[in-house]
Amino acid sequence: MITKEKINQALETYKDGFTLDLKTGEFIENGFAVALTHNINLKDLETLYKTVVTNQHVLKCVGGWTDQKDHIHYLDFVLIVNNEQDALKLCEIFRQIAYFDLNNLKEVRV
């Protein structure tokens, strides 16, 4: 299960971004992450945590990062797939301009 401490650890350790399994609290390091949402802007950790807890029964994974310029936390609820073809299909369905390749730690524009 995800905890405030785990989210805080993720934001502190992985400032450029992270992907977490909401059930296990483990970091996801493989696959292709496609956002279901468009960058939810969360100005404080408490709001971020409440948003994750409220939705963890419905969604499996969350991706997030902190904008180092304004220190605002951003959050995406994501699906993780095993291949690029599925990632491309999901980008089209959810109107995303990119997916994140967790295997190579890079954004892929579509």
N, C-alpha and C. Protein backbone atom coordinates (compact mmCIF):
# COMPACT_ATOMS: atom_id res chain seq x y z
N MET A 1 0.84 -1.19 0.00
CA MET A 1 0.00 0.00 0.00
C MET A 1 0.89 1.25 0.00
N ILE A 2 0.41 2.26 -0.64
CA ILE A 2 1.16 3.50 -0.75
C ILE A 2 1.04 4.30 0.55
N THR A 3 2.11 4.98 0.92
CA THR A 3 2.11 5.80 2.14
C THR A 3 2.60 7.21 1.81
N LYS A 4 2.34 8.14 2.73
CA LYS A 4 2.85 9.50 2.55
C LYS A 4 4.37 9.48 2.46
N GLU A 5 4.98 8.64 3.29
CA GLU A 5 6.43 8.57 3.30
C GLU A 5 6.98 8.11 1.95
N LYS A 6 6.30 7.16 1.32
CA LYS A 6 6.74 6.65 0.02
C LYS A 6 6.63 7.73 -1.05
N ILE A 7 5.54 8.48 -1.02
CA ILE A 7 5.36 9.57 -1.98
C ILE A 7 6.43 10.64 -1.75
N ASN A 8 6.65 10.98 -0.49
CA ASN A 8 7.67 11.98 -0.16
C ASN A 8 9.05 11.50 -0.60
N GLN A 9 9.35 10.23 -0.36
CA GLN A 9 10.63 9.64 -0.79
C GLN A 9 10.76 9.74 -2.31
N ALA A 10 9.70 9.43 -3.01
CA ALA A 10 9.73 9.48 -4.48
C ALA A 10 10.00 10.90 -4.96
N LEU A 11 9.33 11.88 -4.37
CA LEU A 11 9.52 13.27 -4.78
C LEU A 11 10.92 13.77 -4.46
N GLU A 12 11.47 13.35 -3.34
CA GLU A 12 12.81 13.78 -2.94
C GLU A 12 13.92 13.07 -3.73
N THR A 13 13.73 11.77 -3.96
CA THR A 13 14.76 10.96 -4.59
C THR A 13 14.75 11.08 -6.10
N TYR A 14 13.56 11.11 -6.68
CA TYR A 14 13.41 11.11 -8.13
C TYR A 14 12.76 12.40 -8.60
N LYS A 15 13.46 13.50 -8.44
CA LYS A 15 12.90 14.82 -8.76
C LYS A 15 12.50 14.94 -10.24
N ASP A 16 13.20 14.21 -11.10
CA ASP A 16 12.87 14.26 -12.52
C ASP A 16 11.67 13.40 -12.87
N GLY A 17 11.29 12.50 -11.99
CA GLY A 17 10.11 11.68 -12.22
C GLY A 17 10.19 10.30 -11.60
N PHE A 18 9.03 9.72 -11.37
CA PHE A 18 8.92 8.39 -10.80
C PHE A 18 7.61 7.76 -11.22
N THR A 19 7.55 6.46 -11.13
CA THR A 19 6.32 5.71 -11.36
C THR A 19 6.18 4.72 -10.22
N LEU A 20 5.04 4.75 -9.55
CA LEU A 20 4.81 3.90 -8.38
C LEU A 20 3.61 2.99 -8.59
N ASP A 21 3.74 1.76 -8.11
CA ASP A 21 2.62 0.84 -8.03
C ASP A 21 1.83 1.21 -6.78
N LEU A 22 0.56 1.56 -6.93
CA LEU A 22 -0.23 2.03 -5.80
C LEU A 22 -0.55 0.94 -4.78
N LYS A 23 -0.56 -0.30 -5.19
CA LYS A 23 -0.87 -1.39 -4.26
C LYS A 23 0.34 -1.81 -3.44
N THR A 24 1.51 -1.89 -4.07
CA THR A 24 2.70 -2.37 -3.37
C THR A 24 3.57 -1.23 -2.84
N GLY A 25 3.44 -0.05 -3.44
CA GLY A 25 4.31 1.06 -3.07
C GLY A 25 5.70 0.95 -3.68
N GLU A 26 5.89 -0.01 -4.57
CA GLU A 26 7.19 -0.22 -5.21
C GLU A 26 7.32 0.66 -6.45
N PHE A 27 8.56 1.05 -6.74
CA PHE A 27 8.84 1.80 -7.95
C PHE A 27 8.78 0.86 -9.14
N ILE A 28 8.20 1.33 -10.23
CA ILE A 28 8.11 0.56 -11.46
C ILE A 28 9.25 1.00 -12.36
N GLU A 29 10.03 0.05 -12.85
CA GLU A 29 11.22 0.38 -13.61
C GLU A 29 11.21 -0.18 -15.03
N ASN A 30 10.18 -0.93 -15.40
CA ASN A 30 10.13 -1.53 -16.73
C ASN A 30 8.78 -1.28 -17.37
N GLY A 31 8.79 -1.22 -18.70
CA GLY A 31 7.55 -1.05 -19.44
C GLY A 31 7.44 0.35 -20.02
N PHE A 32 6.23 0.66 -20.46
CA PHE A 32 5.95 1.93 -21.11
C PHE A 32 4.74 2.55 -20.41
N ALA A 33 4.92 3.74 -19.85
CA ALA A 33 3.89 4.41 -19.07
C ALA A 33 3.14 5.41 -19.95
N VAL A 34 1.81 5.28 -19.95
CA VAL A 34 0.95 6.20 -20.69
C VAL A 34 -0.01 6.84 -19.70
N ALA A 35 -0.06 8.15 -19.70
CA ALA A 35 -0.92 8.88 -18.78
C ALA A 35 -2.39 8.79 -19.20
N LEU A 36 -3.24 8.63 -18.21
CA LEU A 36 -4.69 8.67 -18.44
C LEU A 36 -5.22 10.08 -18.27
N THR A 37 -4.45 10.90 -17.58
CA THR A 37 -4.84 12.27 -17.26
C THR A 37 -3.82 13.23 -17.83
N HIS A 38 -4.11 14.49 -17.73
CA HIS A 38 -3.18 15.52 -18.20
C HIS A 38 -2.66 16.32 -17.02
N ASN A 39 -1.52 15.90 -16.49
CA ASN A 39 -0.76 16.63 -15.47
C ASN A 39 -1.61 17.35 -14.42
N ILE A 40 -2.00 16.61 -13.42
CA ILE A 40 -2.72 17.21 -12.31
C ILE A 40 -1.71 18.02 -11.49
N ASN A 41 -1.96 19.30 -11.32
CA ASN A 41 -1.07 20.21 -10.62
C ASN A 41 -1.44 20.18 -9.14
N LEU A 42 -0.52 19.74 -8.29
CA LEU A 42 -0.77 19.63 -6.86
C LEU A 42 0.27 20.44 -6.10
N LYS A 43 -0.18 21.45 -5.40
CA LYS A 43 0.76 22.40 -4.80
C LYS A 43 1.33 21.96 -3.47
N ASP A 44 0.78 20.90 -2.87
CA ASP A 44 1.36 20.46 -1.61
C ASP A 44 1.25 18.95 -1.48
N LEU A 45 2.10 18.39 -0.64
CA LEU A 45 2.20 16.95 -0.49
C LEU A 45 0.91 16.35 0.06
N GLU A 46 0.24 17.05 0.96
CA GLU A 46 -0.99 16.52 1.55
C GLU A 46 -2.08 16.33 0.48
N THR A 47 -2.23 17.30 -0.41
CA THR A 47 -3.20 17.19 -1.50
C THR A 47 -2.81 16.06 -2.44
N LEU A 48 -1.53 15.94 -2.73
CA LEU A 48 -1.04 14.86 -3.58
C LEU A 48 -1.38 13.51 -2.96
N TYR A 49 -1.11 13.36 -1.68
CA TYR A 49 -1.37 12.09 -1.01
C TYR A 49 -2.87 11.77 -1.00
N LYS A 50 -3.69 12.73 -0.68
CA LYS A 50 -5.15 12.50 -0.67
C LYS A 50 -5.66 12.10 -2.05
N THR A 51 -5.13 12.71 -3.09
CA THR A 51 -5.54 12.37 -4.45
C THR A 51 -5.18 10.93 -4.78
N VAL A 52 -3.98 10.51 -4.40
CA VAL A 52 -3.54 9.14 -4.65
C VAL A 52 -4.39 8.15 -3.86
N VAL A 53 -4.58 8.41 -2.57
CA VAL A 53 -5.36 7.50 -1.72
C VAL A 53 -6.80 7.38 -2.21
N THR A 54 -7.38 8.48 -2.62
CA THR A 54 -8.76 8.49 -3.10
C THR A 54 -8.92 7.63 -4.35
N ASN A 55 -7.89 7.56 -5.16
CA ASN A 55 -8.01 6.87 -6.46
C ASN A 55 -7.30 5.52 -6.52
N GLN A 56 -6.64 5.10 -5.46
CA GLN A 56 -5.84 3.88 -5.56
C GLN A 56 -6.68 2.61 -5.70
N HIS A 57 -7.94 2.65 -5.36
CA HIS A 57 -8.79 1.47 -5.55
C HIS A 57 -9.19 1.29 -7.02
N VAL A 58 -9.07 2.34 -7.80
CA VAL A 58 -9.46 2.31 -9.21
C VAL A 58 -8.24 2.15 -10.12
N LEU A 59 -7.17 2.80 -9.77
CA LEU A 59 -5.99 2.85 -10.63
C LEU A 59 -4.83 2.10 -10.01
N LYS A 60 -3.95 1.60 -10.84
CA LYS A 60 -2.85 0.78 -10.37
C LYS A 60 -1.55 1.56 -10.17
N CYS A 61 -1.29 2.53 -11.02
CA CYS A 61 0.00 3.22 -11.01
C CYS A 61 -0.16 4.73 -11.06
N VAL A 62 0.85 5.40 -10.52
CA VAL A 62 0.90 6.85 -10.58
C VAL A 62 2.30 7.27 -10.97
N GLY A 63 2.37 8.29 -11.81
CA GLY A 63 3.66 8.87 -12.18
C GLY A 63 3.68 10.31 -11.70
N GLY A 64 4.82 10.76 -11.26
CA GLY A 64 4.88 12.14 -10.78
C GLY A 64 6.26 12.72 -10.89
N TRP A 65 6.32 14.03 -10.73
CA TRP A 65 7.59 14.76 -10.74
C TRP A 65 7.36 16.11 -10.10
N THR A 66 8.46 16.78 -9.77
CA THR A 66 8.41 18.11 -9.18
C THR A 66 9.07 19.08 -10.13
N ASP A 67 8.37 20.16 -10.47
CA ASP A 67 8.97 21.21 -11.28
C ASP A 67 9.95 21.95 -10.38
N GLN A 68 11.23 21.87 -10.70
CA GLN A 68 12.26 22.45 -9.84
C GLN A 68 12.25 23.98 -9.84
N LYS A 69 11.62 24.57 -10.84
CA LYS A 69 11.56 26.02 -10.92
C LYS A 69 10.54 26.59 -9.93
N ASP A 70 9.33 26.03 -9.92
CA ASP A 70 8.29 26.57 -9.03
C ASP A 70 7.93 25.64 -7.87
N HIS A 71 8.60 24.48 -7.78
CA HIS A 71 8.40 23.50 -6.71
C HIS A 71 6.96 22.99 -6.61
N ILE A 72 6.29 22.93 -7.73
CA ILE A 72 4.93 22.37 -7.78
C ILE A 72 5.03 20.91 -8.17
N HIS A 73 4.28 20.07 -7.47
CA HIS A 73 4.25 18.65 -7.76
C HIS A 73 3.21 18.39 -8.86
N TYR A 74 3.55 17.51 -9.78
CA TYR A 74 2.64 17.11 -10.84
C TYR A 74 2.42 15.62 -10.76
N LEU A 75 1.23 15.20 -11.14
CA LEU A 75 0.84 13.82 -11.01
C LEU A 75 0.07 13.37 -12.24
N ASP A 76 0.34 12.16 -12.69
CA ASP A 76 -0.44 11.51 -13.74
C ASP A 76 -0.83 10.13 -13.26
N PHE A 77 -2.06 9.75 -13.49
CA PHE A 77 -2.43 8.36 -13.29
C PHE A 77 -2.08 7.67 -14.60
N VAL A 78 -1.35 6.56 -14.51
CA VAL A 78 -0.80 5.94 -15.72
C VAL A 78 -1.15 4.46 -15.82
N LEU A 79 -1.10 4.00 -17.06
CA LEU A 79 -1.15 2.57 -17.35
C LEU A 79 0.24 2.16 -17.81
N ILE A 80 0.66 0.98 -17.40
CA ILE A 80 1.95 0.45 -17.83
C ILE A 80 1.68 -0.71 -18.79
N VAL A 81 2.28 -0.63 -19.96
CA VAL A 81 2.15 -1.70 -20.95
C VAL A 81 3.54 -2.22 -21.28
N ASN A 82 3.58 -3.39 -21.91
CA ASN A 82 4.86 -4.06 -22.16
C ASN A 82 5.49 -3.78 -23.51
N ASN A 83 4.75 -3.09 -24.40
CA ASN A 83 5.34 -2.84 -25.71
C ASN A 83 4.94 -1.48 -26.25
N GLU A 84 5.74 -1.01 -27.19
CA GLU A 84 5.55 0.33 -27.75
C GLU A 84 4.26 0.45 -28.56
N GLN A 85 3.85 -0.63 -29.22
CA GLN A 85 2.63 -0.58 -30.02
C GLN A 85 1.41 -0.28 -29.13
N ASP A 86 1.33 -0.95 -27.98
CA ASP A 86 0.23 -0.68 -27.06
C ASP A 86 0.32 0.73 -26.50
N ALA A 87 1.54 1.20 -26.23
CA ALA A 87 1.72 2.56 -25.73
C ALA A 87 1.20 3.58 -26.75
N LEU A 88 1.52 3.35 -28.01
CA LEU A 88 1.05 4.25 -29.07
C LEU A 88 -0.47 4.25 -29.16
N LYS A 89 -1.09 3.08 -29.08
CA LYS A 89 -2.56 2.99 -29.13
C LYS A 89 -3.19 3.74 -27.97
N LEU A 90 -2.62 3.56 -26.78
CA LEU A 90 -3.17 4.24 -25.60
C LEU A 90 -2.98 5.75 -25.68
N CYS A 91 -1.87 6.20 -26.24
CA CYS A 91 -1.67 7.64 -26.43
C CYS A 91 -2.77 8.22 -27.31
N GLU A 92 -3.13 7.49 -28.34
CA GLU A 92 -4.20 7.94 -29.22
C GLU A 92 -5.53 7.98 -28.48
N ILE A 93 -5.83 6.93 -27.74
CA ILE A 93 -7.10 6.85 -27.00
C ILE A 93 -7.21 7.97 -25.96
N PHE A 94 -6.12 8.21 -25.22
CA PHE A 94 -6.16 9.19 -24.13
C PHE A 94 -5.63 10.56 -24.54
N ARG A 95 -5.41 10.74 -25.84
CA ARG A 95 -4.99 12.03 -26.40
C ARG A 95 -3.72 12.57 -25.74
N GLN A 96 -2.74 11.70 -25.68
CA GLN A 96 -1.45 12.07 -25.10
C GLN A 96 -0.46 12.34 -26.23
N ILE A 97 0.46 13.26 -25.98
CA ILE A 97 1.46 13.59 -27.00
C ILE A 97 2.74 12.77 -26.82
N ALA A 98 2.81 11.99 -25.74
CA ALA A 98 4.01 11.20 -25.49
C ALA A 98 3.71 10.10 -24.48
N TYR A 99 4.58 9.12 -24.44
CA TYR A 99 4.57 8.12 -23.38
C TYR A 99 5.98 8.07 -22.81
N PHE A 100 6.15 7.40 -21.67
CA PHE A 100 7.47 7.33 -21.06
C PHE A 100 7.98 5.90 -21.11
N ASP A 101 9.16 5.74 -21.70
CA ASP A 101 9.83 4.45 -21.80
C ASP A 101 10.62 4.24 -20.51
N LEU A 102 10.08 3.43 -19.60
CA LEU A 102 10.73 3.19 -18.31
C LEU A 102 12.01 2.37 -18.45
N ASN A 103 12.09 1.57 -19.50
CA ASN A 103 13.29 0.75 -19.72
C ASN A 103 14.52 1.59 -20.02
N ASN A 104 14.31 2.69 -20.74
CA ASN A 104 15.41 3.54 -21.17
C ASN A 104 15.36 4.94 -20.55
N LEU A 105 14.38 5.16 -19.66
CA LEU A 105 14.21 6.44 -18.96
C LEU A 105 14.18 7.63 -19.92
N LYS A 106 13.25 7.52 -20.90
CA LYS A 106 13.13 8.63 -21.84
C LYS A 106 11.68 8.81 -22.28
N GLU A 107 11.34 10.07 -22.54
CA GLU A 107 10.04 10.41 -23.08
C GLU A 107 10.06 10.13 -24.58
N VAL A 108 8.96 9.57 -25.08
CA VAL A 108 8.84 9.29 -26.51
C VAL A 108 7.63 10.07 -27.03
N ARG A 109 7.90 11.04 -27.88
CA ARG A 109 6.82 11.85 -28.48
C ARG A 109 6.15 11.04 -29.58
N VAL A 110 4.83 11.20 -29.70
CA VAL A 110 4.10 10.48 -30.75
C VAL A 110 3.53 11.44 -31.77
